[in-house]
Amino acid sequence: MAVLVNTLPARAQGVRVGLSAGPVATPSASPWHWPGPPTTGFALRQTTLVAGWPDHPAGSGLLAGAMGIADTRLRSWLDDRWYGLRFSGAIEFETGYESAPSSGLGLLGDANPEVGRPFDVLDLTWIPTSPTAATSRAEVERADLRWSAGPVDFDVGRQPISLGTSHFVSVLDVLAPSAPGSLDASYRPGIDAVRVSTGFGEYGVAEVIVAGADPWNRGGTIARLHDTLAGMDVEVLGGRFRDRSFGGFDWDGQVGPAGLWGEVAAFERLPGVEQYRGGLRQVALSGVAGADFSLPFDTLGSFGLLYQDFGARRPEDLPSVYTDAPFRQGWDFLGSAGYGVVTLSRQLGPLVSGSVSGLVNLVDGSTLWEPQVTYSVSDNADLGAYLWAGVGAPPVSEGGTVVPRSEFGMVPTGGGLYARWFF
């Protein structure tokens, strides 16, 4: 069960941004020389939270009671350039503690073995200790080399890749998406890929992405065209990932006082790994569309609608959705067929910002709400607090079987503190 943290676009979020690119040194007049040493930096992030699960029917096997989580992540990054080549690398060290299992909570990652970063050719993760309550690991998060050959740019290695518009839940971002409940929603972990791109026209970009995996046939190959038409950014993309064909388009731009954005996607159905619940028999459609507005009292509002053929049309079908391939593989995070989303944000003071985000399940009427406040401690440090609460009908026991009556009625109520520091 994913827990909403922030539904504003990644570029508009001021919370839990994770590793930023940091300062980049300016090349000299000659493009073949890099002045001085490489650019380096660190990002330290700390999260502490508590959660109380709602009451469930006896013997249901669903999580109950309270739990606490603490998570500390230190990321070291390096950026360097020499003789027309540019290298970027990052290693992350993480230690964590859980007072109880958090499988399905969707807070600090997903316990599903298929979820995480499936597009890895090499396993570059080290786990020195893995006891029940405390964990620690180190991982190479980025290691890529970029160069240009005339009008063509190349990027090879472990790198972050984002598809779609980065608003709310993306239906096109299938290689390394962020769940609505990710505490580092705006940080993109790297995947092993080769990218070849070139420009056309005044603003256009054509690109081919080949994402590797082990075995190789579990990777992906995607072509995309991006251009700006009448002030609107538009993109068309398609290809294959995880042995599944897909295609779609997205748009993002300002029209009068509103910012309009959206994505539409069509996915090949794979009957052997997912159930049919509605829509076309051979193709599953998904789409998300919304608008951003300036509201009274210096408030920014974002409103959107999400539809997905993979989702449940009845609350009792939610357990089967969670076992289907889109959910298990980590590129589909919400279980029902339709949602509404609303986010209100406001600058409360020179150093304080606040927001309230909500998800509305249009199938069962349940809602998930999260207020949060962020305080800028300094130019390179933030401190914040957030709460969340699901409102909906709890599951019931019928003939010894637990039957969900709403999606967000099974979500815990909780809150936490987070801090980040760049140096």
Protein backbone atom coordinates (compact mmCIF):
# COMPACT_ATOMS: atom_id res chain seq x y z
CA MET A 1 0.00 0.00 0.00
CA ALA A 2 1.59 3.23 -1.08
CA VAL A 3 1.37 6.24 1.21
CA LEU A 4 1.07 9.67 -0.34
CA VAL A 5 3.91 12.05 0.43
CA ASN A 6 3.82 14.74 -2.21
CA THR A 7 1.95 14.99 -5.48
CA LEU A 8 3.42 18.22 -6.80
CA PRO A 9 5.73 17.93 -9.81
CA ALA A 10 9.27 16.98 -8.87
CA ARG A 11 10.56 20.33 -10.03
CA ALA A 12 8.07 22.13 -7.76
CA GLN A 13 8.69 20.06 -4.64
CA GLY A 14 10.66 21.57 -1.79
CA VAL A 15 10.52 18.46 0.37
CA ARG A 16 12.76 15.41 0.46
CA VAL A 17 14.50 16.31 -2.76
CA GLY A 18 17.39 14.00 -2.02
CA LEU A 19 20.63 14.40 -3.94
CA SER A 20 20.82 17.52 -6.05
CA ALA A 21 23.23 17.92 -8.90
CA GLY A 22 25.25 20.32 -6.80
CA PRO A 23 27.51 23.04 -8.16
CA VAL A 24 29.03 22.30 -11.54
CA ALA A 25 32.36 23.85 -12.44
CA THR A 26 32.46 26.02 -15.54
CA PRO A 27 34.69 24.76 -18.36
CA SER A 28 37.40 26.97 -19.76
CA ALA A 29 37.16 28.49 -23.22
CA SER A 30 38.50 25.24 -24.67
CA PRO A 31 35.99 22.37 -24.40
CA TRP A 32 38.84 19.86 -24.11
CA HIS A 33 40.14 20.89 -20.70
CA TRP A 34 38.57 20.79 -17.24
CA PRO A 35 39.89 23.53 -14.92
CA GLY A 36 40.88 22.34 -11.49
CA PRO A 37 39.85 19.23 -9.53
CA PRO A 38 36.55 17.36 -9.99
CA THR A 39 33.38 18.66 -8.32
CA THR A 40 32.37 16.59 -5.30
CA GLY A 41 29.78 16.75 -2.54
CA PHE A 42 27.69 14.90 0.02
CA ALA A 43 23.99 14.68 0.86
CA LEU A 44 22.85 13.47 4.30
CA ARG A 45 19.17 12.57 4.82
CA GLN A 46 17.51 11.37 8.02
CA THR A 47 13.92 10.16 8.39
CA THR A 48 12.14 9.07 11.56
CA LEU A 49 8.47 8.08 11.62
CA VAL A 50 5.82 6.25 13.58
CA ALA A 51 2.64 4.61 12.28
CA GLY A 52 -0.42 3.01 13.80
CA TRP A 53 -2.21 0.41 11.70
CA PRO A 54 -6.03 0.41 11.78
CA ASP A 55 -7.97 -2.42 13.41
CA HIS A 56 -8.35 -5.46 11.17
CA PRO A 57 -10.47 -8.63 11.52
CA ALA A 58 -8.92 -11.24 13.78
CA GLY A 59 -6.77 -13.75 11.93
CA SER A 60 -6.63 -11.61 8.81
CA GLY A 61 -2.86 -11.67 8.57
CA LEU A 62 -2.86 -7.91 7.94
CA LEU A 63 -0.43 -5.75 9.91
CA ALA A 64 -1.78 -4.38 13.17
CA GLY A 65 -0.51 -2.21 16.02
CA ALA A 66 2.17 0.46 15.93
CA MET A 67 5.59 0.56 14.34
CA GLY A 68 8.55 2.90 14.09
CA ILE A 69 11.18 3.41 11.40
CA ALA A 70 14.47 5.30 11.33
CA ASP A 71 16.48 5.67 8.15
CA THR A 72 19.79 7.47 7.50
CA ARG A 73 21.32 7.88 4.05
CA LEU A 74 24.65 9.44 3.11
CA ARG A 75 25.34 10.00 -0.56
CA SER A 76 28.75 10.94 -1.95
CA TRP A 77 28.91 12.22 -5.53
CA LEU A 78 31.56 13.25 -8.03
CA ASP A 79 31.41 15.04 -11.37
CA ASP A 80 34.45 15.40 -13.64
CA ARG A 81 35.30 16.11 -17.26
CA TRP A 82 38.38 15.53 -19.35
CA TYR A 83 39.14 15.55 -23.08
CA GLY A 84 35.49 15.95 -24.09
CA LEU A 85 34.26 13.20 -21.73
CA ARG A 86 32.14 13.80 -18.63
CA PHE A 87 31.86 11.31 -15.78
CA SER A 88 29.31 11.32 -12.94
CA GLY A 89 29.35 8.92 -10.01
CA ALA A 90 27.53 8.52 -6.69
CA ILE A 91 27.65 6.00 -3.84
CA GLU A 92 24.98 5.80 -1.16
CA PHE A 93 25.44 4.39 2.34
CA GLU A 94 22.26 3.54 4.25
CA THR A 95 21.45 2.34 7.76
CA GLY A 96 17.91 1.66 8.93
CA TYR A 97 15.84 0.30 11.77
CA GLU A 98 12.27 -1.05 11.88
CA SER A 99 10.45 -1.92 15.08
CA ALA A 100 8.08 -4.14 13.09
CA PRO A 101 7.85 -5.44 9.52
CA SER A 102 6.66 -2.75 7.11
CA SER A 103 5.81 -4.90 4.09
CA GLY A 104 3.17 -3.11 2.06
CA LEU A 105 3.62 0.21 3.85
CA GLY A 106 5.43 1.79 0.93
CA LEU A 107 7.41 4.24 3.06
CA LEU A 108 11.12 3.54 2.75
CA GLY A 109 11.03 1.19 -0.19
CA ASP A 110 9.12 -1.92 -1.24
CA ALA A 111 9.68 -5.33 0.26
CA ASN A 112 8.71 -7.01 -3.01
CA PRO A 113 11.83 -8.67 -4.47
CA GLU A 114 10.89 -7.59 -8.01
CA VAL A 115 10.57 -3.93 -7.03
CA GLY A 116 13.44 -1.50 -6.61
CA ARG A 117 15.71 -1.09 -9.59
CA PRO A 118 15.11 -4.00 -11.97
CA PHE A 119 17.22 -2.63 -14.82
CA ASP A 120 20.68 -3.56 -13.54
CA VAL A 121 23.25 -5.42 -15.60
CA LEU A 122 25.63 -5.52 -12.63
CA ASP A 123 24.74 -5.91 -8.96
CA LEU A 124 26.64 -3.08 -7.27
CA THR A 125 25.03 -3.36 -3.83
CA TRP A 126 26.80 -4.51 -0.69
CA ILE A 127 24.86 -5.56 2.42
CA PRO A 128 27.34 -6.04 5.28
CA THR A 129 24.67 -6.80 7.90
CA SER A 130 21.04 -7.81 7.60
CA PRO A 131 19.50 -8.61 10.99
CA THR A 132 15.75 -8.56 11.62
CA ALA A 133 15.40 -5.01 12.92
CA ALA A 134 18.50 -3.14 11.68
CA THR A 135 19.95 -3.07 8.17
CA SER A 136 22.87 -1.42 6.44
CA ARG A 137 23.99 -1.34 2.83
CA ALA A 138 26.15 0.48 0.32
CA GLU A 139 25.32 0.88 -3.35
CA VAL A 140 26.71 2.51 -6.47
CA GLU A 141 23.81 4.73 -7.49
CA ARG A 142 25.40 6.45 -10.47
CA ALA A 143 28.38 5.78 -12.74
CA ASP A 144 27.97 7.04 -16.29
CA LEU A 145 30.11 8.53 -19.03
CA ARG A 146 28.82 11.16 -21.50
CA TRP A 147 30.30 12.51 -24.71
CA SER A 148 29.27 14.03 -28.04
CA ALA A 149 30.14 13.03 -31.58
CA GLY A 150 29.02 15.86 -33.82
CA PRO A 151 25.23 16.32 -33.41
CA VAL A 152 24.81 13.04 -31.50
CA ASP A 153 25.12 12.75 -27.70
CA PHE A 154 25.90 9.50 -25.88
CA ASP A 155 25.34 8.56 -22.22
CA VAL A 156 26.49 5.09 -21.11
CA GLY A 157 26.32 3.56 -17.63
CA ARG A 158 24.22 3.79 -14.46
CA GLN A 159 22.12 6.95 -14.73
CA PRO A 160 18.74 8.40 -13.71
CA ILE A 161 16.06 8.28 -16.43
CA SER A 162 12.68 9.97 -16.20
CA LEU A 163 9.88 9.55 -18.73
CA GLY A 164 6.64 11.49 -18.90
CA THR A 165 5.77 14.76 -17.20
CA SER A 166 6.80 13.98 -13.57
CA HIS A 167 3.39 15.12 -12.26
CA PHE A 168 1.62 13.07 -9.57
CA VAL A 169 1.58 9.45 -10.83
CA SER A 170 3.15 8.95 -14.23
CA VAL A 171 1.72 6.24 -16.46
CA LEU A 172 4.63 6.51 -18.92
CA ASP A 173 7.55 6.47 -16.47
CA VAL A 174 8.07 2.70 -16.59
CA LEU A 175 11.86 2.32 -16.24
CA ALA A 176 12.56 3.86 -12.81
CA PRO A 177 9.31 5.37 -11.48
CA SER A 178 8.71 6.86 -8.04
CA ALA A 179 5.78 5.60 -5.97
CA PRO A 180 3.40 8.18 -4.50
CA GLY A 181 4.59 7.02 -1.07
CA SER A 182 8.31 7.36 -1.69
CA LEU A 183 9.95 9.67 0.83
CA ASP A 184 12.52 10.55 -1.84
CA ALA A 185 9.90 11.02 -4.55
CA SER A 186 11.95 13.52 -6.51
CA TYR A 187 15.21 11.53 -6.37
CA ARG A 188 15.76 9.13 -9.26
CA PRO A 189 17.91 6.06 -8.68
CA GLY A 190 20.11 5.13 -11.60
CA ILE A 191 19.56 2.24 -13.98
CA ASP A 192 22.06 0.63 -16.34
CA ALA A 193 21.35 2.08 -19.77
CA VAL A 194 22.68 3.46 -23.04
CA ARG A 195 21.14 6.70 -24.34
CA VAL A 196 21.70 8.14 -27.81
CA SER A 197 20.09 11.50 -28.61
CA THR A 198 20.20 14.27 -31.18
CA GLY A 199 18.42 17.55 -31.69
CA PHE A 200 16.16 18.62 -34.55
CA GLY A 201 14.44 21.87 -35.38
CA GLU A 202 14.57 24.64 -32.80
CA TYR A 203 13.59 22.69 -29.67
CA GLY A 204 13.20 19.06 -30.74
CA VAL A 205 15.08 16.08 -29.31
CA ALA A 206 15.05 12.50 -30.61
CA GLU A 207 16.36 9.78 -28.33
CA VAL A 208 16.77 6.02 -28.08
CA ILE A 209 17.16 4.39 -24.65
CA VAL A 210 18.34 0.80 -24.16
CA ALA A 211 17.97 -0.30 -20.52
CA GLY A 212 19.89 -3.38 -19.51
CA ALA A 213 18.86 -6.17 -17.16
CA ASP A 214 19.93 -9.62 -16.06
CA PRO A 215 18.75 -11.60 -17.98
CA TRP A 216 19.01 -9.19 -20.91
CA ASN A 217 15.52 -9.92 -22.31
CA ARG A 218 14.02 -8.41 -19.15
CA GLY A 219 15.37 -4.98 -20.10
CA GLY A 220 13.80 -2.37 -22.33
CA THR A 221 14.23 -0.40 -25.55
CA ILE A 222 12.38 2.91 -25.89
CA ALA A 223 12.36 5.62 -28.57
CA ARG A 224 11.08 9.10 -27.78
CA LEU A 225 10.53 12.40 -29.60
CA HIS A 226 10.24 15.64 -27.63
CA ASP A 227 9.36 19.04 -29.03
CA THR A 228 7.69 22.35 -28.12
CA LEU A 229 4.57 23.31 -30.09
CA ALA A 230 2.77 26.61 -29.49
CA GLY A 231 4.40 26.89 -26.08
CA MET A 232 3.38 23.36 -25.05
CA ASP A 233 6.00 20.66 -24.41
CA VAL A 234 4.87 17.47 -26.12
CA GLU A 235 6.44 14.01 -26.24
CA VAL A 236 5.73 10.77 -28.09
CA LEU A 237 7.41 7.55 -26.99
CA GLY A 238 7.12 3.81 -27.35
CA GLY A 239 8.97 0.52 -27.33
CA ARG A 240 9.23 -2.55 -25.10
CA PHE A 241 10.07 -3.21 -21.45
CA ARG A 242 9.84 -6.46 -19.50
CA ASP A 243 8.73 -8.28 -22.67
CA ARG A 244 5.76 -5.89 -23.03
CA SER A 245 5.11 -3.42 -25.86
CA PHE A 246 3.78 0.03 -25.00
CA GLY A 247 3.40 3.52 -26.40
CA GLY A 248 1.96 6.89 -25.51
CA PHE A 249 2.26 10.65 -25.49
CA ASP A 250 2.31 13.47 -22.93
CA TRP A 251 1.94 17.24 -22.77
CA ASP A 252 2.93 19.97 -20.31
CA GLY A 253 2.60 23.72 -20.71
CA GLN A 254 0.92 26.96 -19.77
CA VAL A 255 -2.44 27.91 -21.29
CA GLY A 256 -3.67 31.24 -19.98
CA PRO A 257 -3.67 31.22 -16.18
CA ALA A 258 -3.43 27.43 -15.90
CA GLY A 259 -0.65 24.92 -16.33
CA LEU A 260 -1.99 21.88 -18.20
CA TRP A 261 -0.31 18.48 -18.13
CA GLY A 262 -1.13 14.87 -18.82
CA GLU A 263 -0.07 11.47 -20.11
CA VAL A 264 -1.84 8.73 -22.10
CA ALA A 265 -0.41 5.22 -22.50
CA ALA A 266 -1.38 1.93 -24.12
CA PHE A 267 0.16 -1.33 -22.85
CA GLU A 268 0.17 -4.78 -24.40
CA ARG A 269 -1.77 -7.15 -22.15
CA LEU A 270 0.02 -10.27 -20.88
CA PRO A 271 -2.74 -12.66 -19.74
CA GLY A 272 -0.31 -15.04 -18.08
CA VAL A 273 0.82 -12.51 -15.45
CA GLU A 274 -2.21 -10.24 -14.98
CA GLN A 275 -6.00 -10.43 -14.90
CA TYR A 276 -8.46 -8.71 -17.21
CA ARG A 277 -10.81 -6.38 -15.33
CA GLY A 278 -12.15 -4.12 -18.05
CA GLY A 279 -11.33 -2.14 -21.17
CA LEU A 280 -9.98 -3.53 -24.42
CA ARG A 281 -9.01 -7.20 -24.51
CA GLN A 282 -5.60 -6.84 -26.17
CA VAL A 283 -4.53 -3.41 -24.91
CA ALA A 284 -4.70 -1.82 -21.44
CA LEU A 285 -5.13 1.96 -21.40
CA SER A 286 -3.89 4.33 -18.69
CA GLY A 287 -4.02 8.09 -18.43
CA VAL A 288 -3.52 10.97 -16.05
CA ALA A 289 -4.35 14.63 -16.66
CA GLY A 290 -4.45 17.72 -14.49
CA ALA A 291 -4.04 21.44 -14.13
CA ASP A 292 -2.10 23.80 -11.85
CA PHE A 293 -3.64 27.09 -10.71
CA SER A 294 -2.75 30.13 -8.65
CA LEU A 295 -5.45 30.45 -5.96
CA PRO A 296 -6.29 33.23 -3.49
CA PHE A 297 -4.07 33.85 -0.45
CA ASP A 298 -0.90 33.13 -2.47
CA THR A 299 -1.80 29.45 -2.67
CA LEU A 300 -0.85 27.10 -5.49
CA GLY A 301 -3.28 24.33 -6.36
CA SER A 302 -2.87 21.18 -8.43
CA PHE A 303 -5.82 19.00 -9.46
CA GLY A 304 -5.81 15.84 -11.52
CA LEU A 305 -7.55 12.60 -12.50
CA LEU A 306 -5.97 9.17 -13.03
CA TYR A 307 -7.47 6.19 -14.86
CA GLN A 308 -5.91 2.75 -15.37
CA ASP A 309 -7.33 -0.42 -16.95
CA PHE A 310 -5.07 -2.51 -14.71
CA GLY A 311 -6.92 -1.31 -11.58
CA ALA A 312 -9.78 -2.85 -9.65
CA ARG A 313 -13.38 -1.87 -10.32
CA ARG A 314 -14.48 -3.32 -6.95
CA PRO A 315 -12.70 -3.02 -3.59
CA GLU A 316 -12.76 -6.78 -3.08
CA ASP A 317 -10.56 -7.20 -6.17
CA LEU A 318 -7.68 -5.18 -4.67
CA PRO A 319 -5.73 -8.24 -3.36
CA SER A 320 -5.57 -9.72 -6.86
CA VAL A 321 -4.33 -6.39 -8.30
CA TYR A 322 -1.42 -6.41 -5.86
CA THR A 323 -0.28 -9.80 -7.21
CA ASP A 324 -0.44 -8.81 -10.90
CA ALA A 325 2.75 -8.04 -12.85
CA PRO A 326 2.37 -4.22 -13.09
CA PHE A 327 2.17 -3.91 -9.30
CA ARG A 328 4.79 -6.58 -8.51
CA GLN A 329 7.25 -5.14 -10.99
CA GLY A 330 6.98 -1.68 -9.46
CA TRP A 331 5.66 0.51 -12.30
CA ASP A 332 2.02 0.62 -11.15
CA PHE A 333 1.45 1.65 -7.53
CA LEU A 334 -2.25 2.29 -6.97
CA GLY A 335 -4.73 -0.58 -6.96
CA SER A 336 -8.02 0.88 -8.19
CA ALA A 337 -9.11 2.02 -11.64
CA GLY A 338 -9.70 5.71 -10.90
CA TYR A 339 -8.41 8.48 -8.60
CA GLY A 340 -8.65 12.19 -8.04
CA VAL A 341 -5.76 14.19 -6.62
CA VAL A 342 -5.56 17.60 -5.03
CA THR A 343 -2.53 19.44 -3.66
CA LEU A 344 -2.50 22.87 -2.06
CA SER A 345 0.76 24.57 -1.16
CA ARG A 346 1.68 27.94 0.27
CA GLN A 347 4.74 29.81 1.46
CA LEU A 348 3.91 30.42 5.14
CA GLY A 349 6.91 32.65 5.78
CA PRO A 350 10.36 33.51 4.42
CA LEU A 351 11.73 30.16 5.63
CA VAL A 352 8.57 28.04 6.09
CA SER A 353 6.39 26.34 3.47
CA GLY A 354 3.34 24.15 3.93
CA SER A 355 1.13 21.91 1.82
CA VAL A 356 -1.84 19.56 2.02
CA SER A 357 -2.09 16.65 -0.43
CA GLY A 358 -4.98 14.28 -0.94
CA LEU A 359 -5.87 11.21 -2.96
CA VAL A 360 -9.51 10.32 -3.58
CA ASN A 361 -10.30 6.76 -4.65
CA LEU A 362 -13.15 7.14 -7.16
CA VAL A 363 -14.05 3.44 -6.92
CA ASP A 364 -14.64 3.02 -3.19
CA GLY A 365 -14.77 6.62 -1.95
CA SER A 366 -11.82 6.32 0.44
CA THR A 367 -9.34 9.17 0.79
CA LEU A 368 -5.74 9.67 1.89
CA TRP A 369 -4.58 13.03 3.26
CA GLU A 370 -1.21 14.42 4.19
CA PRO A 371 -0.31 17.85 5.56
CA GLN A 372 3.35 18.80 5.79
CA VAL A 373 5.49 21.73 6.86
CA THR A 374 9.09 22.40 5.85
CA TYR A 375 11.52 24.80 7.52
CA SER A 376 14.65 25.99 5.73
CA VAL A 377 17.35 25.82 8.39
CA SER A 378 20.02 27.27 6.08
CA ASP A 379 20.90 27.47 2.41
CA ASN A 380 21.84 23.79 2.38
CA ALA A 381 19.67 22.26 5.14
CA ASP A 382 15.92 21.62 5.61
CA LEU A 383 13.83 20.25 8.46
CA GLY A 384 10.26 19.09 8.01
CA ALA A 385 7.32 17.28 9.55
CA TYR A 386 4.42 15.45 7.95
CA LEU A 387 1.29 13.52 8.90
CA TRP A 388 -0.95 11.19 6.91
CA ALA A 389 -4.32 9.57 7.48
CA GLY A 390 -6.47 7.23 5.43
CA VAL A 391 -10.24 7.56 5.62
CA GLY A 392 -12.37 4.68 4.37
CA ALA A 393 -14.29 1.54 5.22
CA PRO A 394 -12.11 -1.07 6.99
CA PRO A 395 -11.94 -4.67 5.75
CA VAL A 396 -14.45 -7.24 7.01
CA SER A 397 -14.37 -10.99 7.59
CA GLU A 398 -16.83 -13.03 5.54
CA GLY A 399 -16.79 -16.79 6.03
CA GLY A 400 -13.25 -16.72 7.33
CA THR A 401 -12.03 -14.62 4.38
CA VAL A 402 -10.91 -11.02 4.78
CA VAL A 403 -12.61 -8.80 2.21
CA PRO A 404 -11.36 -5.22 1.61
CA ARG A 405 -14.07 -2.56 1.47
CA SER A 406 -11.77 0.33 0.54
CA GLU A 407 -8.15 0.88 -0.41
CA PHE A 408 -7.23 3.69 1.98
CA GLY A 409 -9.24 2.17 4.83
CA MET A 410 -6.29 -0.25 5.18
CA VAL A 411 -3.62 2.49 5.37
CA PRO A 412 -1.99 3.30 8.73
CA THR A 413 -2.24 6.68 10.40
CA GLY A 414 1.13 8.17 11.20
CA GLY A 415 3.62 10.94 10.95
CA GLY A 416 7.29 11.66 10.92
CA LEU A 417 10.20 14.06 10.83
CA TYR A 418 12.85 14.38 8.15
CA ALA A 419 16.02 16.37 7.71
CA ARG A 420 18.41 16.85 4.83
CA TRP A 421 21.79 18.49 4.62
CA PHE A 422 24.01 19.08 1.56
CA PHE A 423 27.71 19.75 1.99
